[in-house]
Protein backbone atom coordinates (compact mmCIF):
# COMPACT_ATOMS: atom_id res chain seq x y z
CA UNK A 1 13.50 -1.92 -5.45
CA UNK A 2 10.97 -4.66 -4.73
CA UNK A 3 8.64 -6.48 -7.11
CA UNK A 4 5.10 -7.53 -6.24
CA UNK A 5 3.92 -10.84 -7.67
CA UNK A 6 1.27 -13.48 -6.98
CA UNK A 7 3.81 -15.40 -4.89
CA UNK A 8 2.67 -16.79 -1.56
CA UNK A 9 6.25 -16.79 -0.24
CA UNK A 10 5.86 -13.48 1.63
CA UNK A 11 3.49 -12.04 4.22
CA UNK A 12 2.35 -8.53 3.32
CA UNK A 13 1.42 -6.09 6.08
CA UNK A 14 -0.04 -2.73 5.05
CA UNK A 15 -0.72 0.14 7.44
CA UNK A 16 -2.69 3.08 6.05
CA UNK A 17 -2.12 6.16 8.21
CA UNK A 18 -4.46 9.14 8.03
CA UNK A 19 -2.62 12.21 9.29
CA UNK A 20 -2.85 15.98 9.37
CA UNK A 21 -0.86 17.29 6.37
CA UNK A 22 1.34 19.38 8.66
CA UNK A 23 2.44 16.20 10.44
CA UNK A 24 2.95 13.93 7.44
CA UNK A 25 6.70 14.54 7.20
CA UNK A 26 7.23 13.93 10.91
CA UNK A 27 5.36 10.64 10.66
CA UNK A 28 7.45 9.54 7.68
CA UNK A 29 10.65 10.54 9.48
CA UNK A 30 9.68 8.35 12.44
CA UNK A 31 8.71 5.42 10.22
CA UNK A 32 12.02 5.65 8.38
CA UNK A 33 14.07 5.86 11.58
CA UNK A 34 12.30 2.86 13.10
CA UNK A 35 12.57 0.86 9.87
CA UNK A 36 16.30 1.51 9.58
CA UNK A 37 17.29 1.02 13.21
CA UNK A 38 14.86 -1.61 14.51
CA UNK A 39 12.38 -3.23 12.15
CA UNK A 40 14.91 -4.17 9.47
CA UNK A 41 17.00 -6.02 12.08
CA UNK A 42 14.21 -8.38 13.11
CA UNK A 43 14.15 -12.00 12.02
CA UNK A 44 12.00 -12.53 8.95
CA UNK A 45 12.04 -8.93 7.75
CA UNK A 46 12.20 -8.46 3.96
CA UNK A 47 11.37 -4.84 3.11
CA UNK A 48 9.47 -1.73 4.18
CA UNK A 49 8.24 0.92 1.77
CA UNK A 50 6.56 4.18 2.78
CA UNK A 51 4.31 6.04 0.34
CA UNK A 52 3.22 9.62 0.97
CA UNK A 53 0.04 11.01 -0.56
CA UNK A 54 0.57 14.15 -2.58
CA UNK A 55 -2.16 15.99 -0.64
CA UNK A 56 -0.38 15.24 2.65
CA UNK A 57 -3.31 13.40 4.24
CA UNK A 58 -2.06 9.80 4.19
CA UNK A 59 0.97 7.56 4.46
CA UNK A 60 0.85 3.95 3.28
CA UNK A 61 3.47 1.70 4.86
CA UNK A 62 3.94 -1.53 2.86
CA UNK A 63 5.99 -4.15 4.74
CA UNK A 64 6.97 -7.65 3.62
CA UNK A 65 7.92 -10.50 5.96
CA UNK A 66 8.82 -14.13 5.48
CA UNK A 67 5.72 -15.08 7.51
CA UNK A 68 2.89 -13.59 9.53
CA UNK A 69 4.44 -15.13 12.64
CA UNK A 70 7.69 -13.19 12.05
CA UNK A 71 5.71 -9.97 11.69
CA UNK A 72 3.77 -10.53 14.89
CA UNK A 73 6.88 -11.46 16.87
CA UNK A 74 8.15 -7.87 16.81
CA UNK A 75 5.35 -6.85 19.18
CA UNK A 76 7.20 -8.71 21.92
CA UNK A 77 10.03 -6.18 21.62
CA UNK A 78 9.42 -3.31 24.13
CA UNK A 79 11.46 -0.79 22.13
CA UNK A 80 9.48 -1.46 18.97
CA UNK A 81 6.19 -1.26 20.85
CA UNK A 82 7.24 2.13 22.23
CA UNK A 83 8.14 3.29 18.72
CA UNK A 84 4.72 2.25 17.44
CA UNK A 85 3.02 4.04 20.34
CA UNK A 86 4.80 7.26 19.38
CA UNK A 87 2.74 7.47 16.19
CA UNK A 88 -0.35 8.09 18.30
CA UNK A 89 1.28 11.28 19.59
CA UNK A 90 0.84 12.69 16.08
CA UNK A 91 -2.91 12.15 16.20
CA UNK A 92 -2.92 9.62 13.36
CA UNK A 93 -5.53 7.00 12.67
CA UNK A 94 -4.27 3.63 11.47
CA UNK A 95 -5.74 0.86 9.35
CA UNK A 96 -3.52 -2.20 9.90
CA UNK A 97 -4.13 -5.46 8.03
CA UNK A 98 -2.45 -8.43 6.38
CA UNK A 99 -2.93 -8.75 2.63
CA UNK A 100 -2.24 -11.04 -0.26
CA UNK A 101 -1.97 -10.20 -3.95
CA UNK A 102 -5.13 -11.38 -5.69
CA UNK A 103 -4.61 -10.25 -9.33
CA UNK A 104 -2.01 -8.46 -11.44
CA UNK A 105 -2.21 -6.73 -14.82
CA UNK A 106 0.40 -5.19 -17.10
CA UNK A 107 4.11 -5.09 -16.41
CA UNK A 108 5.57 -6.50 -13.17
CA UNK A 109 4.81 -4.05 -10.36
CA UNK A 110 8.03 -2.62 -8.99
CA UNK A 111 8.28 -0.23 -6.06
CA UNK A 112 11.25 2.09 -5.91
CA UNK A 113 12.18 5.63 -4.99
CA UNK A 114 12.84 8.29 -7.63
CA UNK A 115 10.55 6.62 -10.14
CA UNK A 116 9.25 8.50 -13.17
CA UNK A 117 5.88 6.83 -12.60
CA UNK A 118 3.01 8.02 -10.43
CA UNK A 119 1.35 5.69 -7.93
CA UNK A 120 -2.40 5.61 -7.39
CA UNK A 121 -3.63 3.72 -4.32
CA UNK A 122 -7.32 3.08 -3.71
CA UNK A 123 -8.26 1.55 -0.34
CA UNK A 124 -11.77 0.14 -0.60
CA UNK A 125 -13.72 -0.79 2.54
CA UNK A 126 -15.98 -3.76 1.93
CA UNK A 127 -18.08 -6.30 3.84
CA UNK A 128 -16.30 -9.69 3.94
CA UNK A 129 -19.15 -11.38 2.06
CA UNK A 130 -18.66 -8.94 -0.83
CA UNK A 131 -14.87 -8.95 -1.13
CA UNK A 132 -14.64 -11.67 -3.78
CA UNK A 133 -17.39 -10.13 -5.93
CA UNK A 134 -15.76 -6.69 -5.68
CA UNK A 135 -12.45 -8.10 -6.90
CA UNK A 136 -14.17 -9.80 -9.81
CA UNK A 137 -15.84 -6.56 -10.88
CA UNK A 138 -12.71 -4.44 -10.52
CA UNK A 139 -10.58 -6.78 -12.61
CA UNK A 140 -13.19 -7.48 -15.28
CA UNK A 141 -12.41 -5.73 -18.57
CA UNK A 142 -9.53 -3.84 -16.92
CA UNK A 143 -7.19 -4.45 -19.86
CA UNK A 144 -9.30 -2.22 -22.11
CA UNK A 145 -9.35 0.59 -19.53
CA UNK A 146 -5.60 0.28 -19.02
CA UNK A 147 -4.89 0.60 -22.74
CA UNK A 148 -7.03 3.70 -22.99
CA UNK A 149 -5.39 5.32 -19.97
CA UNK A 150 -1.73 4.40 -20.50
CA UNK A 151 -1.65 2.31 -17.34
CA UNK A 152 1.72 0.63 -16.79
CA UNK A 153 0.80 -1.93 -14.14
CA UNK A 154 -1.85 -2.65 -11.54
CA UNK A 155 -2.25 -5.09 -8.68
CA UNK A 156 -5.24 -5.83 -6.52
CA UNK A 157 -4.62 -6.91 -2.94
CA UNK A 158 -7.22 -8.41 -0.64
CA UNK A 159 -7.01 -8.21 3.14
CA UNK A 160 -7.02 -11.60 4.84
CA UNK A 161 -9.91 -10.51 7.08
CA UNK A 162 -12.05 -9.81 4.01
CA UNK A 163 -12.68 -6.15 4.84
CA UNK A 164 -10.42 -4.32 2.38
CA UNK A 165 -9.43 -4.36 -1.27
CA UNK A 166 -6.48 -2.24 -2.38
CA UNK A 167 -5.90 -1.25 -5.99
CA UNK A 168 -2.23 -0.30 -6.51
CA UNK A 169 -1.54 1.24 -9.94
CA UNK A 170 1.46 2.73 -11.72
CA UNK A 171 0.94 5.43 -14.37
CA UNK A 172 3.12 7.77 -16.36
CA UNK A 173 3.13 11.20 -14.73
CA UNK A 174 1.94 12.77 -17.98
CA UNK A 175 -1.30 10.81 -17.61
CA UNK A 176 -2.11 11.70 -14.02
CA UNK A 177 -5.60 12.98 -14.83
CA UNK A 178 -6.35 9.90 -16.93
CA UNK A 179 -5.27 7.72 -14.03
CA UNK A 180 -7.61 9.38 -11.59
CA UNK A 181 -10.55 9.33 -14.01
CA UNK A 182 -10.01 5.70 -15.02
CA UNK A 183 -9.76 4.50 -11.44
CA UNK A 184 -12.89 6.42 -10.50
CA UNK A 185 -14.78 4.88 -13.41
CA UNK A 186 -13.68 1.40 -12.39
CA UNK A 187 -14.72 1.98 -8.79
CA UNK A 188 -18.01 3.66 -9.72
CA UNK A 189 -19.21 0.45 -11.35
CA UNK A 190 -18.92 -1.29 -7.97
CA UNK A 191 -20.04 1.42 -5.55
CA UNK A 192 -22.94 -0.74 -4.37
CA UNK A 193 -20.37 -3.10 -2.82
CA UNK A 194 -18.10 -0.44 -1.31
CA UNK A 195 -18.65 1.06 2.13
CA UNK A 196 -15.89 3.69 1.94
CA UNK A 197 -13.22 4.78 -0.53
CA UNK A 198 -9.81 6.26 0.36
CA UNK A 199 -8.21 7.26 -2.94
CA UNK A 200 -5.00 9.28 -3.39
CA UNK A 201 -1.98 9.81 -5.61
CA UNK A 202 1.31 8.87 -3.94
CA UNK A 203 5.08 8.97 -4.23
CA UNK A 204 7.44 6.43 -2.67
CA UNK A 205 9.26 8.28 0.09
CA UNK A 206 11.72 5.63 1.30
CA UNK A 207 12.54 1.97 0.85
CA UNK A 208 14.40 -0.19 3.37
CA UNK A 209 15.17 -3.83 2.80
CA UNK A 210 17.15 -6.51 4.55
CA UNK A 211 20.20 -5.94 2.35
CA UNK A 212 20.48 -2.20 1.88
CA UNK A 213 18.81 1.20 2.20
CA UNK A 214 17.74 3.19 -0.83
CA UNK A 215 17.11 6.91 -0.28
């Protein structure tokens, strides 16, 4: 299990894969193998968490490092570069960026396998000049929406290049429809600032950290 906070002590790298549903499992299997056998053994690695969308169309790989420099250093490893290149064989598209946590609401956000909570991830494409305003709108009055929708916890992450905002929410599974509707209502109020929306329900598929593997 890992907990997401407003701490600046970690570097967060998120890769959003878009994949054909028939190839989602193969992509996750490769990510897990590479995380267990190579990535987790690199200096500065903290954890890697793969989320699979329930419709099969996406995989979100959430990786924490001690620094951006440690994350970038792995690209000097030929074996790791070859592993990354193998994802292209599956015909995936990738959206790779560094993020930081901008705001949190509700209980501490924990990521773990076999959770009784559902995860909603909204990846919002935005012009860099609008990123700050979008975050302000999304977080404004969110507490009222969360109470009405039985939201457990939510974080908003901003990409360091200014081009993405990710809303990462945890909901009880009994309130799946409420979660989707509430998130859509929040986003709808800011559609004039958003260039594209990638919104899905997810489950955590695997979690690897520097100390142990949870399956």
